[in-house]
């Protein structure tokens, strides 16, 4: 589908000017430099007065966003996107800050190790280590993530299902990579979509797995849609971008959860590409989507 919304068209043009498609063919260091600069271009100031601090939990760097009154509410553990290769605490800083204020929950953002220097299971091990440390204090929480972070959030739920560890209250998955069928229409129709192409997904998959693509076919921590069971998983809110190769992973995961009686809500955002959270202050569509995500979390906690 062609994107015609002028606000979104402008967002795409500004993104590609700072972070062109060719960045994925550059060195890892150059790719990261360009990505970080692009994220900085769109970064909004943090809400005034929000306490924020950096620390380490279980040896993993985290950033806490602690709005007033959050002590009485479950926390949100946020895993950032970036293809498992890019991003960190700064790339999604404003998203996490606004999420904390909008929900009243403390957000714990995780700076997991990146590929290709660290391959699976390093990323989910870091996310799981933070989750285990936080819940060991008697806290309850939800997992939230976008893109690769959506994959890690869903993967954590499957790990908890397998180990009997503390299950998140809910999983909020924003244009997630769930290891879906790459012959599905969205992978074909959006193969050359702006901001994320099917061949980019293939490249990132090779980096996170160290080239062992059997993990994508069989391991539910890498490809949650390939899991043998879905019963016992927490409620899910799955948000997809319509002009994104990953779009069809969303309804497929919803169907898998609903088939075993798990609540799963799916929202597909028309005229929006992958990575649109950065456009939430520039595009009415993106802003409405972010507001819906925050509202779902608030409703879930009532």
Protein backbone atom coordinates (compact mmCIF):
# COMPACT_ATOMS: atom_id res chain seq x y z
CA UNK A 1 0.00 0.00 0.00
CA UNK A 2 1.29 3.44 -0.87
CA UNK A 3 1.52 5.93 1.98
CA UNK A 4 -0.22 9.19 1.11
CA UNK A 5 -0.73 10.82 4.52
CA UNK A 6 1.41 13.97 4.21
CA UNK A 7 2.55 13.92 7.84
CA UNK A 8 3.73 10.34 7.48
CA UNK A 9 5.36 11.01 4.11
CA UNK A 10 7.34 13.83 5.72
CA UNK A 11 8.35 11.61 8.64
CA UNK A 12 9.62 8.94 6.25
CA UNK A 13 11.59 11.47 4.20
CA UNK A 14 13.20 12.97 7.32
CA UNK A 15 14.05 9.51 8.65
CA UNK A 16 15.61 8.35 5.40
CA UNK A 17 17.62 11.55 5.06
CA UNK A 18 19.28 10.80 8.40
CA UNK A 19 19.26 7.01 8.20
CA UNK A 20 19.24 5.85 4.55
CA UNK A 21 18.51 2.30 3.46
CA UNK A 22 22.21 1.91 2.67
CA UNK A 23 23.05 2.13 6.38
CA UNK A 24 22.39 -1.58 6.79
CA UNK A 25 25.17 -2.25 4.29
CA UNK A 26 27.68 -0.15 6.23
CA UNK A 27 29.88 -1.34 9.07
CA UNK A 28 28.12 -2.07 12.34
CA UNK A 29 29.76 0.96 13.93
CA UNK A 30 28.65 3.28 11.12
CA UNK A 31 25.15 1.79 11.11
CA UNK A 32 24.85 2.49 14.82
CA UNK A 33 26.19 6.02 14.46
CA UNK A 34 23.62 6.84 11.78
CA UNK A 35 20.79 5.20 13.71
CA UNK A 36 21.62 7.04 16.93
CA UNK A 37 21.79 10.35 15.06
CA UNK A 38 18.41 9.67 13.45
CA UNK A 39 16.83 8.84 16.82
CA UNK A 40 18.26 12.05 18.29
CA UNK A 41 16.65 14.02 15.47
CA UNK A 42 13.19 12.91 16.60
CA UNK A 43 13.80 12.80 20.36
CA UNK A 44 11.33 14.85 22.39
CA UNK A 45 12.20 16.43 25.75
CA UNK A 46 11.31 14.36 28.78
CA UNK A 47 8.19 15.42 30.66
CA UNK A 48 9.18 18.02 33.23
CA UNK A 49 9.83 16.77 36.74
CA UNK A 50 10.00 13.06 35.90
CA UNK A 51 12.63 11.33 38.08
CA UNK A 52 15.01 9.29 35.91
CA UNK A 53 18.09 7.38 36.97
CA UNK A 54 20.54 4.97 35.38
CA UNK A 55 21.77 1.92 37.26
CA UNK A 56 22.57 -1.74 36.83
CA UNK A 57 20.25 -4.61 37.65
CA UNK A 58 21.74 -8.10 37.63
CA UNK A 59 24.73 -6.61 35.82
CA UNK A 60 22.57 -5.17 33.02
CA UNK A 61 22.34 -1.39 32.43
CA UNK A 62 18.81 -0.07 32.95
CA UNK A 63 17.12 3.31 33.10
CA UNK A 64 14.25 3.90 35.53
CA UNK A 65 11.49 6.40 34.88
CA UNK A 66 9.58 6.82 38.13
CA UNK A 67 6.48 9.04 38.03
CA UNK A 68 4.88 10.12 41.27
CA UNK A 69 2.79 7.36 42.83
CA UNK A 70 4.31 4.55 40.78
CA UNK A 71 5.25 2.63 43.93
CA UNK A 72 1.69 1.31 44.21
CA UNK A 73 1.44 0.19 40.58
CA UNK A 74 3.01 -2.62 38.55
CA UNK A 75 6.12 -1.70 36.58
CA UNK A 76 6.65 -1.82 32.83
CA UNK A 77 9.82 -3.44 31.52
CA UNK A 78 10.66 -1.91 28.14
CA UNK A 79 12.85 -3.59 25.52
CA UNK A 80 13.87 -1.31 22.67
CA UNK A 81 13.83 -1.99 18.95
CA UNK A 82 16.73 -1.82 16.54
CA UNK A 83 17.03 -5.24 14.95
CA UNK A 84 18.97 -6.59 17.96
CA UNK A 85 21.93 -4.64 16.52
CA UNK A 86 21.05 -0.98 17.10
CA UNK A 87 19.71 1.26 19.83
CA UNK A 88 19.92 1.45 23.58
CA UNK A 89 18.72 3.52 26.50
CA UNK A 90 19.01 6.81 24.61
CA UNK A 91 17.33 5.72 21.36
CA UNK A 92 13.97 5.18 23.08
CA UNK A 93 14.41 7.51 26.05
CA UNK A 94 11.53 9.83 25.21
CA UNK A 95 9.15 6.97 24.42
CA UNK A 96 9.85 5.40 27.81
CA UNK A 97 9.52 8.72 29.64
CA UNK A 98 6.16 9.49 28.06
CA UNK A 99 4.96 5.94 28.64
CA UNK A 100 5.75 6.28 32.34
CA UNK A 101 3.84 9.55 32.70
CA UNK A 102 0.87 8.38 30.63
CA UNK A 103 0.40 5.14 32.59
CA UNK A 104 1.61 6.17 36.04
CA UNK A 105 3.88 3.13 36.08
CA UNK A 106 7.61 2.97 36.62
CA UNK A 107 9.27 2.04 33.34
CA UNK A 108 12.45 -0.02 33.54
CA UNK A 109 14.22 0.22 30.18
CA UNK A 110 16.77 -2.51 29.49
CA UNK A 111 20.01 -2.00 27.59
CA UNK A 112 20.53 -5.59 26.50
CA UNK A 113 23.68 -6.72 24.70
CA UNK A 114 23.65 -6.27 20.93
CA UNK A 115 24.46 -8.49 17.98
CA UNK A 116 26.68 -9.30 16.18
CA UNK A 117 29.10 -9.03 19.11
CA UNK A 118 26.63 -11.04 21.19
CA UNK A 119 24.28 -13.57 19.62
CA UNK A 120 21.26 -15.44 20.96
CA UNK A 121 20.61 -16.00 23.84
CA UNK A 122 22.52 -12.95 25.14
CA UNK A 123 19.70 -10.49 24.49
CA UNK A 124 16.89 -12.45 26.10
CA UNK A 125 19.21 -13.56 28.90
CA UNK A 126 19.73 -9.90 29.80
CA UNK A 127 16.02 -9.13 29.62
CA UNK A 128 15.23 -12.21 31.72
CA UNK A 129 17.89 -11.31 34.28
CA UNK A 130 16.36 -7.88 34.83
CA UNK A 131 12.86 -9.35 34.95
CA UNK A 132 13.88 -11.97 37.51
CA UNK A 133 15.65 -9.42 39.70
CA UNK A 134 12.72 -7.00 39.68
CA UNK A 135 10.08 -9.65 40.37
CA UNK A 136 12.24 -11.23 43.09
CA UNK A 137 11.53 -8.05 45.05
CA UNK A 138 7.86 -8.95 45.04
CA UNK A 139 6.98 -6.63 42.18
CA UNK A 140 4.44 -7.36 39.46
CA UNK A 141 4.96 -6.08 35.97
CA UNK A 142 4.14 -6.02 32.29
CA UNK A 143 6.52 -6.36 29.37
CA UNK A 144 6.49 -3.80 26.57
CA UNK A 145 8.67 -3.67 23.49
CA UNK A 146 8.83 -2.44 19.93
CA UNK A 147 10.17 -4.34 16.91
CA UNK A 148 13.06 -6.51 18.15
CA UNK A 149 12.03 -5.50 21.66
CA UNK A 150 8.56 -6.85 20.96
CA UNK A 151 10.18 -10.13 20.04
CA UNK A 152 12.16 -10.15 23.29
CA UNK A 153 9.05 -9.31 25.32
CA UNK A 154 7.07 -12.16 23.79
CA UNK A 155 10.09 -14.44 24.03
CA UNK A 156 10.41 -13.69 27.74
CA UNK A 157 6.82 -14.84 28.25
CA UNK A 158 7.63 -18.12 26.52
CA UNK A 159 10.74 -18.52 28.66
CA UNK A 160 8.69 -18.01 31.81
CA UNK A 161 6.15 -20.52 30.52
CA UNK A 162 8.90 -23.07 30.05
CA UNK A 163 10.72 -22.45 33.33
CA UNK A 164 7.77 -21.74 35.59
CA UNK A 165 9.14 -18.30 36.38
CA UNK A 166 6.99 -15.28 37.24
CA UNK A 167 4.76 -14.51 34.28
CA UNK A 168 4.17 -10.89 33.21
CA UNK A 169 0.68 -9.55 33.80
CA UNK A 170 0.47 -8.67 30.11
CA UNK A 171 2.58 -8.32 26.99
CA UNK A 172 2.41 -5.19 24.83
CA UNK A 173 4.02 -5.86 21.47
CA UNK A 174 4.52 -2.92 19.10
CA UNK A 175 5.19 -3.88 15.46
CA UNK A 176 6.92 -7.01 16.76
CA UNK A 177 9.04 -9.58 14.96
CA UNK A 178 7.38 -12.83 16.03
CA UNK A 179 9.09 -15.19 13.60
CA UNK A 180 6.12 -15.44 11.28
CA UNK A 181 5.69 -17.11 7.93
CA UNK A 182 7.80 -15.12 5.48
CA UNK A 183 5.56 -16.25 2.63
CA UNK A 184 2.65 -14.34 4.23
CA UNK A 185 1.27 -11.45 2.16
CA UNK A 186 2.84 -8.67 4.23
CA UNK A 187 6.36 -10.00 3.68
CA UNK A 188 5.73 -9.97 -0.06
CA UNK A 189 3.56 -6.87 -0.45
CA UNK A 190 5.75 -4.78 1.85
CA UNK A 191 9.07 -6.28 0.81
CA UNK A 192 10.37 -2.82 -0.10
CA UNK A 193 8.43 -0.84 2.48
CA UNK A 194 9.98 2.38 3.75
CA UNK A 195 12.04 2.11 6.96
CA UNK A 196 12.06 -1.71 7.03
CA UNK A 197 12.42 -4.12 4.12
CA UNK A 198 12.08 -7.88 4.11
CA UNK A 199 15.77 -8.22 3.27
CA UNK A 200 16.62 -6.14 6.35
CA UNK A 201 14.75 -8.65 8.49
CA UNK A 202 16.70 -11.48 6.92
CA UNK A 203 19.98 -9.71 7.64
CA UNK A 204 19.07 -9.02 11.27
CA UNK A 205 17.98 -12.64 11.74
CA UNK A 206 21.35 -13.82 10.51
CA UNK A 207 23.16 -11.56 12.96
CA UNK A 208 21.12 -12.43 16.06
CA UNK A 209 21.38 -16.17 15.42
CA UNK A 210 25.01 -16.15 14.38
CA UNK A 211 23.86 -17.67 11.11
CA UNK A 212 22.08 -20.63 12.73
CA UNK A 213 18.72 -20.13 11.05
CA UNK A 214 17.35 -23.33 12.59
CA UNK A 215 16.71 -21.20 15.68
CA UNK A 216 14.18 -19.16 13.69
CA UNK A 217 12.34 -22.33 12.74
CA UNK A 218 12.19 -24.10 16.08
CA UNK A 219 12.93 -21.88 19.08
CA UNK A 220 9.96 -20.01 20.63
CA UNK A 221 12.30 -17.53 22.31
CA UNK A 222 13.52 -16.50 18.86
CA UNK A 223 10.27 -17.07 16.96
CA UNK A 224 7.32 -16.98 19.38
CA UNK A 225 4.91 -18.00 16.62
CA UNK A 226 6.73 -21.34 16.35
CA UNK A 227 5.91 -22.28 19.95
CA UNK A 228 4.38 -25.66 20.71
CA UNK A 229 2.00 -24.15 23.25
CA UNK A 230 0.37 -20.82 23.96
CA UNK A 231 -1.86 -21.68 26.93
CA UNK A 232 -0.68 -20.02 30.11
CA UNK A 233 0.64 -16.93 28.36
CA UNK A 234 -0.54 -13.50 29.53
CA UNK A 235 -2.99 -11.21 27.74
CA UNK A 236 -1.52 -9.40 24.77
CA UNK A 237 -1.94 -6.13 22.94
CA UNK A 238 -0.36 -6.43 19.52
CA UNK A 239 0.02 -3.27 17.46
CA UNK A 240 1.16 -3.48 13.85
CA UNK A 241 2.01 -1.00 11.11
CA UNK A 242 0.09 -1.70 7.92
CA UNK A 243 3.02 -0.83 5.64
CA UNK A 244 5.49 -3.20 7.27
CA UNK A 245 6.70 -6.70 6.33
CA UNK A 246 5.99 -7.76 9.94
CA UNK A 247 2.31 -6.80 9.81
CA UNK A 248 0.93 -10.32 9.39
CA UNK A 249 2.83 -11.61 12.43
CA UNK A 250 0.33 -9.64 14.54
CA UNK A 251 -2.95 -11.32 13.59
CA UNK A 252 -1.20 -14.70 13.46
CA UNK A 253 -0.09 -14.31 17.08
CA UNK A 254 -3.50 -13.04 18.09
CA UNK A 255 -5.11 -16.13 16.56
CA UNK A 256 -2.66 -18.47 18.30
CA UNK A 257 -3.41 -16.91 21.68
CA UNK A 258 -7.16 -16.70 21.20
CA UNK A 259 -7.27 -20.36 20.13
CA UNK A 260 -6.32 -21.35 23.69
CA UNK A 261 -8.50 -18.76 25.41
CA UNK A 262 -5.88 -16.07 26.03
CA UNK A 263 -7.06 -12.50 25.58
CA UNK A 264 -5.32 -10.97 22.58
CA UNK A 265 -6.19 -7.60 21.09
CA UNK A 266 -4.76 -6.57 17.73
CA UNK A 267 -4.67 -3.06 16.30
CA UNK A 268 -3.37 -2.43 12.78
CA UNK A 269 -2.30 1.12 11.96
CA UNK A 270 -3.14 2.13 8.39
CA UNK A 271 -0.79 4.43 6.48
CA UNK A 272 2.01 3.89 9.00
CA UNK A 273 5.41 2.22 8.50
CA UNK A 274 7.62 0.30 10.88
CA UNK A 275 9.19 2.50 13.55
CA UNK A 276 6.38 5.04 13.61
CA UNK A 277 6.54 5.64 17.38
CA UNK A 278 9.18 8.27 16.63
CA UNK A 279 6.52 10.15 14.64
CA UNK A 280 4.02 10.40 17.49
CA UNK A 281 4.53 14.18 17.80
CA UNK A 282 4.61 14.72 14.03
CA UNK A 283 1.78 12.51 12.82
CA UNK A 284 -1.77 12.43 14.16
CA UNK A 285 -2.00 8.75 13.23
CA UNK A 286 1.14 7.86 15.15
CA UNK A 287 0.09 9.99 18.11
CA UNK A 288 -3.30 8.28 18.28
CA UNK A 289 -1.61 4.89 18.19
CA UNK A 290 0.71 5.76 21.08
CA UNK A 291 -2.27 7.06 23.06
CA UNK A 292 -4.12 3.79 22.41
CA UNK A 293 -1.14 1.80 23.69
CA UNK A 294 -1.05 3.82 26.89
CA UNK A 295 -4.82 3.51 27.30
CA UNK A 296 -4.71 -0.28 26.88
CA UNK A 297 -2.09 -0.53 29.62
CA UNK A 298 -4.13 1.66 31.97
CA UNK A 299 -7.26 -0.39 31.30
CA UNK A 300 -5.34 -3.62 31.85
CA UNK A 301 -4.28 -2.46 35.30
CA UNK A 302 -7.72 -1.42 36.53
